[in-house]
């Protein structure tokens, strides 16, 4: 049986993967804490890795894809 990574599959409801959804959730939470100010990528990465195992490069890729 193959080992699938379902975190990278897009959800049919909105097209976001689980990883993308977690990144957006963490980003929103930090922005609220910082009074709407910009969020440093390092701070975002620290929060995201509390939820999922992801490399810095994968986070950068997700952020790039969300901006397009």
C-alpha atoms as a PDB file:
ATOM      1  CA  UNK A   1       0.000   0.000   0.000  1.00  0.00           C
ATOM      2  CA  UNK A   2       1.338   3.438  -0.912  1.00  0.00           C
ATOM      3  CA  UNK A   3       2.000   6.078   1.728  1.00  0.00           C
ATOM      4  CA  UNK A   4      -0.020   9.124   0.682  1.00  0.00           C
ATOM      5  CA  UNK A   5       0.402  12.620   2.076  1.00  0.00           C
ATOM      6  CA  UNK A   6      -3.145  13.941   2.252  1.00  0.00           C
ATOM      7  CA  UNK A   7      -1.928  17.304   3.631  1.00  0.00           C
ATOM      8  CA  UNK A   8      -1.014  18.363   0.098  1.00  0.00           C
ATOM      9  CA  UNK A   9      -4.329  17.444  -1.553  1.00  0.00           C
ATOM     10  CA  UNK A  10      -6.694  20.299  -2.371  1.00  0.00           C
ATOM     11  CA  UNK A  11     -10.065  20.366  -0.664  1.00  0.00           C
ATOM     12  CA  UNK A  12     -13.032  20.418  -3.030  1.00  0.00           C
ATOM     13  CA  UNK A  13     -14.752  23.175  -1.038  1.00  0.00           C
ATOM     14  CA  UNK A  14     -12.205  25.921  -1.637  1.00  0.00           C
ATOM     15  CA  UNK A  15      -9.174  24.392  -3.362  1.00  0.00           C
ATOM     16  CA  UNK A  16      -6.886  24.852  -0.361  1.00  0.00           C
ATOM     17  CA  UNK A  17      -4.749  22.052   0.984  1.00  0.00           C
ATOM     18  CA  UNK A  18      -4.601  21.326   4.707  1.00  0.00           C
ATOM     19  CA  UNK A  19      -1.128  22.886   4.808  1.00  0.00           C
ATOM     20  CA  UNK A  20      -2.340  26.078   3.113  1.00  0.00           C
ATOM     21  CA  UNK A  21      -5.287  26.299   5.474  1.00  0.00           C
ATOM     22  CA  UNK A  22      -3.006  25.981   8.519  1.00  0.00           C
ATOM     23  CA  UNK A  23      -0.663  28.670   7.185  1.00  0.00           C
ATOM     24  CA  UNK A  24      -3.590  31.058   6.648  1.00  0.00           C
ATOM     25  CA  UNK A  25      -5.025  30.266  10.083  1.00  0.00           C
ATOM     26  CA  UNK A  26      -1.693  30.950  11.807  1.00  0.00           C
ATOM     27  CA  UNK A  27      -1.180  34.113   9.778  1.00  0.00           C
ATOM     28  CA  UNK A  28      -4.590  35.438  10.808  1.00  0.00           C
ATOM     29  CA  UNK A  29      -4.004  34.633  14.489  1.00  0.00           C
ATOM     30  CA  UNK A  30      -0.626  36.387  14.558  1.00  0.00           C
ATOM     31  CA  UNK A  31      -1.989  39.428  12.717  1.00  0.00           C
ATOM     32  CA  UNK A  32      -4.730  39.756  15.342  1.00  0.00           C
ATOM     33  CA  UNK A  33      -2.162  39.524  18.137  1.00  0.00           C
ATOM     34  CA  UNK A  34       0.007  42.162  16.472  1.00  0.00           C
ATOM     35  CA  UNK A  35      -2.854  44.601  15.905  1.00  0.00           C
ATOM     36  CA  UNK A  36      -2.981  44.043  12.154  1.00  0.00           C
ATOM     37  CA  UNK A  37       0.725  44.668  11.607  1.00  0.00           C
ATOM     38  CA  UNK A  38       2.812  42.620   9.182  1.00  0.00           C
ATOM     39  CA  UNK A  39       3.907  39.189  10.322  1.00  0.00           C
ATOM     40  CA  UNK A  40       7.582  38.224  10.057  1.00  0.00           C
ATOM     41  CA  UNK A  41       8.014  34.960   8.162  1.00  0.00           C
ATOM     42  CA  UNK A  42      10.127  33.502  10.962  1.00  0.00           C
ATOM     43  CA  UNK A  43       7.314  34.100  13.452  1.00  0.00           C
ATOM     44  CA  UNK A  44       4.800  32.517  11.080  1.00  0.00           C
ATOM     45  CA  UNK A  45       7.076  29.518  10.537  1.00  0.00           C
ATOM     46  CA  UNK A  46       7.372  29.008  14.291  1.00  0.00           C
ATOM     47  CA  UNK A  47       3.594  28.849  14.636  1.00  0.00           C
ATOM     48  CA  UNK A  48       3.047  26.649  11.591  1.00  0.00           C
ATOM     49  CA  UNK A  49       5.521  23.982  12.741  1.00  0.00           C
ATOM     50  CA  UNK A  50       3.510  23.667  15.960  1.00  0.00           C
ATOM     51  CA  UNK A  51       0.738  22.203  13.759  1.00  0.00           C
ATOM     52  CA  UNK A  52       2.502  20.433  10.879  1.00  0.00           C
ATOM     53  CA  UNK A  53       5.951  19.201   9.930  1.00  0.00           C
ATOM     54  CA  UNK A  54       7.054  21.563   7.161  1.00  0.00           C
ATOM     55  CA  UNK A  55      10.375  22.973   5.984  1.00  0.00           C
ATOM     56  CA  UNK A  56      11.119  26.660   5.607  1.00  0.00           C
ATOM     57  CA  UNK A  57      11.235  26.163   1.833  1.00  0.00           C
ATOM     58  CA  UNK A  58       7.825  24.503   1.789  1.00  0.00           C
ATOM     59  CA  UNK A  59       6.387  27.431   3.763  1.00  0.00           C
ATOM     60  CA  UNK A  60       7.916  29.852   1.249  1.00  0.00           C
ATOM     61  CA  UNK A  61       6.358  27.869  -1.605  1.00  0.00           C
ATOM     62  CA  UNK A  62       2.946  27.943   0.056  1.00  0.00           C
ATOM     63  CA  UNK A  63       3.185  31.689   0.695  1.00  0.00           C
ATOM     64  CA  UNK A  64       4.185  32.256  -2.946  1.00  0.00           C
ATOM     65  CA  UNK A  65       1.284  30.165  -4.232  1.00  0.00           C
ATOM     66  CA  UNK A  66      -1.210  31.976  -2.018  1.00  0.00           C
ATOM     67  CA  UNK A  67      -0.056  35.342  -3.362  1.00  0.00           C
ATOM     68  CA  UNK A  68      -0.643  34.314  -6.993  1.00  0.00           C
END
